[in-house]
Amino acid sequence: MQYREVGNTGLKISEIGFGGGGNAGLMLRGTHEQQREAIARAVDLGINYFDQAPDYGDGLSETNLGRVLKKLRIRPYITTKVEIREENLNDIADHVVRSTEASLQRMGVDYADFIQIHNGPRLDKPNITGAAYNYLWIEDFLRPGGALEGLQRLQKAGKARFVGFITRGGDGQASRQLIDTGAFDLINASVHLLNPSAGVKPFGMNMDPDWDGILAYAAAHGVGAAIYSPLAGGFLNDNAVSGGSPHPLGRGARNEEEGARINSQIGAFAFLSKKLNPEQADDHSLAEAAIRYVLSLEGVTSVLGGFSDVPQVEENTAFSGKGSLSEQNMKRIEMVWRGNFGV
């Protein structure tokens, strides 16, 4: 396992992190024994960074992580988040503190290494209703009583070492403004072969949403970046591209439309798999190629693996340190992008 420093924090975390979200399903739908075995194996293989959020199963993923960490008697680096919904807009800073304290209690720890706002920033004021938390007006980040004030209260109280926020695409300018404050240490961004815009913006490719090259900007300003959904929601692998069913614990596509769109695109990268394309000169799977591509991008600190079982942990951790893809494969990837997947 290789390790990278998170921006200017001095902390070095594993290139492959352990994501606790719902796509892979282990931390929400797995048994306690399956969770313990996977986390123990991840730690044995060098993973020292775990990414959490209270929205992952309404606190269940945090609770399950805390239970396992107590049994294993270990304390890795931990990120958790705060979701700001309509009901929180009148007391954002207080909500940030309350939400974090509840997360720490569920995980059985006194502090988190990173606390992030789970809403992406927007320059225009979004209409936040009900349980939605995709975006948050930048003024609600920065105003008195806003999200940043809440994060800084946590730092002063010793409950958060460093702070950050999530980017969700279409928020590049707002994200740059938050980075320019110098107050944030870590962003989460999504980048994968189906949408590389957080790292590069190929001519001719339709990217929606557009992450607007945020990784390089963050790196230039001493801010680290953890990458979520590096396999496009778990679809960039040999099983999915050959028509196989998702892992029993996995979530799969959120809806039929999303599934049809992704399935129409992933086949363009079957050439990256030695199994699916025996003529492939490089001996790697599609998942390995996808993660190695993300790790090669400027500004990437850690790729968050969504694991369903121990074999997936073992497979993904082995990708660390293997370097960039071949020049030939990169040129072919660029041709797929420039052709916009044939659309």
Protein backbone atom coordinates (compact mmCIF):
# COMPACT_ATOMS: atom_id res chain seq x y z
CA MET A 1 0.00 0.00 0.00
CA GLN A 2 1.20 3.47 -0.91
CA TYR A 3 0.34 6.59 1.12
CA ARG A 4 -0.24 10.20 0.14
CA GLU A 5 -0.35 13.38 2.19
CA VAL A 6 -3.72 15.10 2.51
CA GLY A 7 -2.97 18.56 1.17
CA ASN A 8 -0.90 20.48 3.71
CA THR A 9 -2.23 18.64 6.77
CA GLY A 10 0.81 16.41 7.32
CA LEU A 11 -1.46 13.34 7.51
CA LYS A 12 -0.63 10.48 5.15
CA ILE A 13 -3.51 8.24 4.21
CA SER A 14 -3.71 5.10 2.08
CA GLU A 15 -4.15 5.46 -1.69
CA ILE A 16 -7.10 3.11 -1.33
CA GLY A 17 -9.59 4.17 1.32
CA PHE A 18 -12.57 2.31 2.76
CA GLY A 19 -15.91 3.86 1.78
CA GLY A 20 -18.92 3.24 3.98
CA GLY A 21 -21.67 4.26 1.51
CA GLY A 22 -24.57 2.29 0.17
CA ASN A 23 -23.41 1.30 -3.35
CA ALA A 24 -21.37 -1.70 -2.24
CA GLY A 25 -23.69 -2.40 0.67
CA LEU A 26 -21.34 -4.14 3.11
CA MET A 27 -21.61 -1.59 5.92
CA LEU A 28 -25.40 -1.41 5.61
CA ARG A 29 -26.57 -4.86 4.54
CA GLY A 30 -23.71 -7.15 5.51
CA THR A 31 -23.59 -9.18 8.70
CA HIS A 32 -21.47 -8.00 11.61
CA GLU A 33 -19.06 -10.87 10.93
CA GLN A 34 -18.74 -9.93 7.25
CA GLN A 35 -18.05 -6.34 8.24
CA ARG A 36 -15.45 -7.33 10.83
CA GLU A 37 -13.64 -9.64 8.42
CA ALA A 38 -13.53 -7.06 5.63
CA ILE A 39 -12.32 -4.23 7.85
CA ALA A 40 -9.72 -6.42 9.54
CA ARG A 41 -8.42 -7.54 6.15
CA ALA A 42 -8.38 -3.97 4.85
CA VAL A 43 -6.28 -2.86 7.80
CA ASP A 44 -3.94 -5.85 7.36
CA LEU A 45 -3.42 -4.78 3.74
CA GLY A 46 -2.57 -1.21 4.68
CA ILE A 47 -5.83 0.75 4.50
CA ASN A 48 -5.75 3.40 7.22
CA TYR A 49 -8.53 5.73 6.03
CA PHE A 50 -12.30 5.26 6.43
CA ASP A 51 -14.95 7.52 4.92
CA GLN A 52 -18.34 7.79 6.60
CA ALA A 53 -21.51 9.90 6.75
CA PRO A 54 -24.65 9.83 8.91
CA ASP A 55 -26.72 9.56 5.73
CA TYR A 56 -25.26 6.11 5.04
CA GLY A 57 -28.15 4.08 6.39
CA ASP A 58 -29.33 6.83 8.75
CA GLY A 59 -26.30 6.33 10.98
CA LEU A 60 -26.12 2.55 10.59
CA SER A 61 -22.82 2.53 8.70
CA GLU A 62 -21.17 4.70 11.36
CA THR A 63 -22.55 2.46 14.11
CA ASN A 64 -21.27 -0.68 12.40
CA LEU A 65 -17.82 0.84 11.85
CA GLY A 66 -17.61 1.86 15.49
CA ARG A 67 -18.56 -1.63 16.65
CA VAL A 68 -15.81 -3.22 14.54
CA LEU A 69 -13.13 -0.70 15.50
CA LYS A 70 -13.85 -1.38 19.17
CA LYS A 71 -13.53 -5.14 18.64
CA LEU A 72 -10.29 -4.77 16.69
CA ARG A 73 -8.93 -2.14 19.11
CA ILE A 74 -7.75 0.11 16.30
CA ARG A 75 -8.16 3.78 15.41
CA PRO A 76 -7.64 4.59 11.70
CA TYR A 77 -8.07 8.04 10.18
CA ILE A 78 -11.80 8.77 9.91
CA THR A 79 -13.84 11.24 7.88
CA THR A 80 -17.50 11.77 8.52
CA LYS A 81 -19.90 14.39 7.24
CA VAL A 82 -22.86 16.65 7.99
CA GLU A 83 -25.96 16.84 5.81
CA ILE A 84 -27.74 20.20 5.86
CA ARG A 85 -31.42 19.91 5.00
CA GLU A 86 -34.32 22.35 4.86
CA GLU A 87 -35.05 21.96 8.57
CA ASN A 88 -31.46 22.99 9.46
CA LEU A 89 -31.22 26.23 7.48
CA ASN A 90 -32.13 28.46 10.44
CA ASP A 91 -29.40 27.09 12.73
CA ILE A 92 -26.73 25.64 10.44
CA ALA A 93 -23.71 26.07 12.73
CA ASP A 94 -25.49 24.50 15.70
CA HIS A 95 -26.70 21.64 13.49
CA VAL A 96 -23.15 20.98 12.27
CA VAL A 97 -22.01 20.60 15.88
CA ARG A 98 -24.98 18.45 16.93
CA SER A 99 -24.74 16.17 13.90
CA THR A 100 -21.02 15.63 14.40
CA GLU A 101 -21.40 14.87 18.09
CA ALA A 102 -24.01 12.24 17.23
CA SER A 103 -21.70 10.73 14.61
CA LEU A 104 -18.80 10.55 17.08
CA GLN A 105 -21.05 8.81 19.60
CA ARG A 106 -22.17 6.24 17.02
CA MET A 107 -18.56 5.51 16.05
CA GLY A 108 -17.34 5.46 19.63
CA VAL A 109 -14.60 8.05 19.09
CA ASP A 110 -13.84 11.42 20.67
CA TYR A 111 -12.99 13.22 17.43
CA ALA A 112 -12.90 12.79 13.66
CA ASP A 113 -9.80 13.53 11.63
CA PHE A 114 -11.97 15.27 9.02
CA ILE A 115 -15.50 16.63 9.14
CA GLN A 116 -16.99 17.55 5.78
CA ILE A 117 -20.18 19.26 4.70
CA HIS A 118 -22.03 16.69 2.59
CA ASN A 119 -23.72 19.39 0.47
CA GLY A 120 -21.94 20.70 -2.60
CA PRO A 121 -21.57 24.52 -2.72
CA ARG A 122 -23.60 26.63 -5.13
CA LEU A 123 -23.28 30.29 -6.14
CA ASP A 124 -27.01 30.53 -6.75
CA LYS A 125 -29.37 29.80 -3.88
CA PRO A 126 -30.73 26.27 -4.32
CA ASN A 127 -34.26 25.37 -3.36
CA ILE A 128 -33.62 22.87 -0.58
CA THR A 129 -36.76 20.96 0.36
CA GLY A 130 -37.51 17.99 2.56
CA ALA A 131 -34.67 15.50 3.00
CA ALA A 132 -32.60 16.75 0.05
CA TYR A 133 -29.04 17.91 0.75
CA ASN A 134 -27.32 17.83 -2.64
CA TYR A 135 -26.29 21.49 -2.59
CA LEU A 136 -25.97 24.44 -0.22
CA TRP A 137 -25.80 28.14 -1.06
CA ILE A 138 -22.25 29.43 -0.63
CA GLU A 139 -23.58 32.21 1.61
CA ASP A 140 -24.86 29.51 3.96
CA PHE A 141 -21.35 28.10 4.07
CA LEU A 142 -19.67 31.41 4.89
CA ARG A 143 -22.15 33.68 6.70
CA PRO A 144 -22.19 34.10 10.50
CA GLY A 145 -23.90 31.05 11.92
CA GLY A 146 -23.17 29.13 8.72
CA ALA A 147 -21.54 25.78 7.98
CA LEU A 148 -17.94 26.98 8.24
CA GLU A 149 -18.58 28.53 11.64
CA GLY A 150 -19.93 25.19 12.84
CA LEU A 151 -16.88 23.35 11.52
CA GLN A 152 -14.54 25.80 13.20
CA ARG A 153 -16.38 25.38 16.50
CA LEU A 154 -15.70 21.65 16.24
CA GLN A 155 -12.02 22.30 15.59
CA LYS A 156 -11.75 24.59 18.60
CA ALA A 157 -13.47 21.95 20.75
CA GLY A 158 -11.04 19.25 19.57
CA LYS A 159 -13.77 17.24 17.88
CA ALA A 160 -12.45 17.76 14.34
CA ARG A 161 -8.81 18.00 13.36
CA PHE A 162 -9.45 19.20 9.81
CA VAL A 163 -12.49 20.18 7.75
CA GLY A 164 -13.74 19.94 4.19
CA PHE A 165 -16.70 19.71 1.86
CA ILE A 166 -18.14 17.62 -0.97
CA THR A 167 -18.21 18.59 -4.63
CA ARG A 168 -21.03 17.23 -6.78
CA GLY A 169 -20.28 18.64 -10.21
CA GLY A 170 -21.62 21.85 -11.64
CA ASP A 171 -20.17 23.63 -8.60
CA GLY A 172 -16.63 24.37 -9.79
CA GLN A 173 -16.66 28.14 -9.28
CA ALA A 174 -18.28 27.90 -5.86
CA SER A 175 -15.83 25.18 -4.83
CA ARG A 176 -12.93 27.38 -5.87
CA GLN A 177 -14.28 30.20 -3.73
CA LEU A 178 -14.46 27.93 -0.69
CA ILE A 179 -10.94 26.66 -1.33
CA ASP A 180 -9.73 30.27 -1.63
CA THR A 181 -10.79 30.93 1.98
CA GLY A 182 -7.90 28.75 3.15
CA ALA A 183 -10.19 27.19 5.76
CA PHE A 184 -10.68 23.78 4.12
CA ASP A 185 -8.29 20.85 3.99
CA LEU A 186 -10.11 18.13 2.04
CA ILE A 187 -12.69 17.84 -0.70
CA ASN A 188 -14.47 14.77 -1.96
CA ALA A 189 -14.99 14.61 -5.72
CA SER A 190 -16.14 11.99 -8.19
CA VAL A 191 -13.98 11.11 -11.18
CA HIS A 192 -14.01 7.98 -13.31
CA LEU A 193 -13.64 6.83 -16.90
CA LEU A 194 -17.23 7.78 -17.74
CA ASN A 195 -16.74 11.33 -16.47
CA PRO A 196 -13.11 12.47 -16.04
CA SER A 197 -13.96 16.19 -15.78
CA ALA A 198 -12.62 16.64 -12.24
CA GLY A 199 -9.21 15.87 -13.72
CA VAL A 200 -9.38 16.43 -17.50
CA LYS A 201 -11.94 17.79 -19.96
CA PRO A 202 -11.54 16.01 -23.31
CA PHE A 203 -12.63 17.98 -26.35
CA GLY A 204 -15.88 16.69 -27.81
CA MET A 205 -17.04 14.84 -24.71
CA ASN A 206 -20.39 15.67 -23.13
CA MET A 207 -19.85 15.77 -19.36
CA ASP A 208 -22.89 16.22 -17.18
CA PRO A 209 -22.28 17.13 -14.46
CA ASP A 210 -18.99 18.94 -15.06
CA TRP A 211 -16.46 18.88 -12.20
CA ASP A 212 -14.48 21.60 -14.00
CA GLY A 213 -10.92 20.44 -13.26
CA ILE A 214 -11.33 20.90 -9.51
CA LEU A 215 -8.61 18.39 -8.56
CA ALA A 216 -5.68 20.43 -9.87
CA TYR A 217 -7.06 23.62 -8.32
CA ALA A 218 -7.41 21.96 -4.93
CA ALA A 219 -3.89 20.52 -5.12
CA ALA A 220 -2.40 23.90 -6.06
CA HIS A 221 -3.98 25.37 -2.91
CA GLY A 222 -2.88 22.66 -0.50
CA VAL A 223 -6.22 20.84 -0.33
CA GLY A 224 -6.43 17.05 -0.57
CA ALA A 225 -9.03 15.12 -2.56
CA ALA A 226 -10.72 11.80 -1.79
CA ILE A 227 -12.46 10.25 -4.79
CA TYR A 228 -15.88 8.68 -4.47
CA SER A 229 -17.50 6.40 -7.08
CA PRO A 230 -14.23 5.65 -8.95
CA LEU A 231 -15.96 2.69 -10.65
CA ALA A 232 -19.00 4.77 -11.69
CA GLY A 233 -21.22 3.34 -8.97
CA GLY A 234 -19.63 -0.11 -9.23
CA PHE A 235 -20.17 -0.62 -12.96
CA LEU A 236 -16.60 -0.36 -14.26
CA ASN A 237 -15.65 -3.98 -13.72
CA ASP A 238 -15.46 -7.19 -15.76
CA ASN A 239 -18.66 -8.60 -14.28
CA ALA A 240 -20.86 -5.60 -15.07
CA VAL A 241 -19.48 -4.98 -18.56
CA SER A 242 -20.14 -8.60 -19.50
CA GLY A 243 -23.76 -8.39 -18.33
CA GLY A 244 -23.43 -9.96 -14.88
CA SER A 245 -25.63 -9.15 -11.90
CA PRO A 246 -24.41 -6.88 -9.08
CA HIS A 247 -23.04 -8.38 -5.87
CA PRO A 248 -25.93 -9.52 -3.61
CA LEU A 249 -25.11 -6.71 -1.17
CA GLY A 250 -24.69 -4.12 -3.92
CA ARG A 251 -27.26 -1.51 -4.85
CA GLY A 252 -26.83 -1.44 -8.62
CA ALA A 253 -28.33 1.38 -10.65
CA ARG A 254 -30.59 3.81 -8.83
CA ASN A 255 -33.20 3.58 -11.56
CA GLU A 256 -33.79 2.03 -14.97
CA GLU A 257 -32.77 5.16 -16.86
CA GLU A 258 -29.43 5.41 -15.04
CA GLY A 259 -28.76 1.71 -15.61
CA ALA A 260 -29.45 1.97 -19.33
CA ARG A 261 -27.18 5.02 -19.68
CA ILE A 262 -24.27 3.45 -17.82
CA ASN A 263 -24.59 0.11 -19.59
CA SER A 264 -24.49 1.90 -22.94
CA GLN A 265 -21.16 3.51 -21.98
CA ILE A 266 -19.17 0.93 -20.04
CA GLY A 267 -18.85 -1.43 -23.00
CA ALA A 268 -16.59 1.12 -24.69
CA PHE A 269 -13.93 0.26 -22.11
CA ALA A 270 -14.07 -3.54 -22.37
CA PHE A 271 -10.73 -3.36 -24.20
CA LEU A 272 -9.08 -2.51 -20.87
CA SER A 273 -9.83 -5.98 -19.48
CA LYS A 274 -7.48 -8.87 -20.17
CA LYS A 275 -10.30 -11.29 -19.37
CA LEU A 276 -12.73 -9.71 -21.84
CA ASN A 277 -10.11 -8.87 -24.42
CA PRO A 278 -7.43 -11.59 -24.48
CA GLU A 279 -5.43 -9.57 -27.01
CA GLN A 280 -4.92 -6.90 -24.35
CA ALA A 281 -1.19 -6.56 -23.84
CA ASP A 282 -1.52 -5.37 -20.24
CA ASP A 283 -2.57 -7.97 -17.71
CA HIS A 284 -5.26 -6.12 -15.73
CA SER A 285 -9.01 -6.12 -15.18
CA LEU A 286 -11.30 -3.24 -16.05
CA ALA A 287 -11.63 -2.33 -12.36
CA GLU A 288 -7.86 -2.22 -11.98
CA ALA A 289 -7.50 -0.03 -15.05
CA ALA A 290 -10.23 2.31 -13.81
CA ILE A 291 -8.69 2.79 -10.37
CA ARG A 292 -5.14 3.11 -11.66
CA TYR A 293 -6.36 5.81 -14.04
CA VAL A 294 -7.90 7.78 -11.15
CA LEU A 295 -4.75 7.39 -9.02
CA SER A 296 -2.67 8.81 -11.88
CA LEU A 297 -4.52 12.14 -11.84
CA GLU A 298 -2.96 15.24 -10.31
CA GLY A 299 -4.47 16.10 -6.96
CA VAL A 300 -5.88 12.69 -6.01
CA THR A 301 -5.09 11.70 -2.43
CA SER A 302 -7.17 8.56 -1.94
CA VAL A 303 -9.63 6.48 -3.94
CA LEU A 304 -12.57 5.36 -1.81
CA GLY A 305 -13.29 1.72 -2.42
CA GLY A 306 -16.86 0.58 -1.98
CA PHE A 307 -16.37 -2.99 -0.77
CA SER A 308 -18.96 -5.76 -0.65
CA ASP A 309 -16.72 -8.55 0.68
CA VAL A 310 -13.16 -9.56 1.55
CA PRO A 311 -12.18 -10.61 -2.01
CA GLN A 312 -13.05 -7.11 -3.24
CA VAL A 313 -10.89 -5.62 -0.50
CA GLU A 314 -7.99 -7.83 -1.53
CA GLU A 315 -8.48 -7.07 -5.22
CA ASN A 316 -8.65 -3.31 -4.89
CA THR A 317 -5.82 -2.86 -2.42
CA ALA A 318 -3.53 -4.68 -4.85
CA PHE A 319 -3.97 -1.81 -7.35
CA SER A 320 -2.04 0.61 -5.16
CA GLY A 321 1.44 1.47 -6.43
CA LYS A 322 1.01 -0.09 -9.87
CA GLY A 323 1.37 3.22 -11.68
CA SER A 324 -0.29 4.75 -14.71
CA LEU A 325 -1.87 2.87 -17.60
CA SER A 326 0.10 2.26 -20.75
CA GLU A 327 0.40 5.03 -23.32
CA GLN A 328 -1.44 2.85 -25.83
CA ASN A 329 -4.42 2.37 -23.52
CA MET A 330 -4.53 6.05 -22.62
CA LYS A 331 -4.65 7.01 -26.29
CA ARG A 332 -7.51 4.61 -26.87
CA ILE A 333 -9.37 5.94 -23.79
CA GLU A 334 -8.98 9.46 -25.18
CA MET A 335 -10.49 8.31 -28.49
CA VAL A 336 -13.53 6.97 -26.65
CA TRP A 337 -13.92 10.30 -24.88
CA ARG A 338 -13.44 12.37 -28.02
CA GLY A 339 -16.06 10.23 -29.75
CA ASN A 340 -18.44 10.83 -26.79
CA PHE A 341 -19.09 7.07 -26.49
CA GLY A 342 -20.45 7.05 -30.02
CA VAL A 343 -23.40 9.28 -29.09
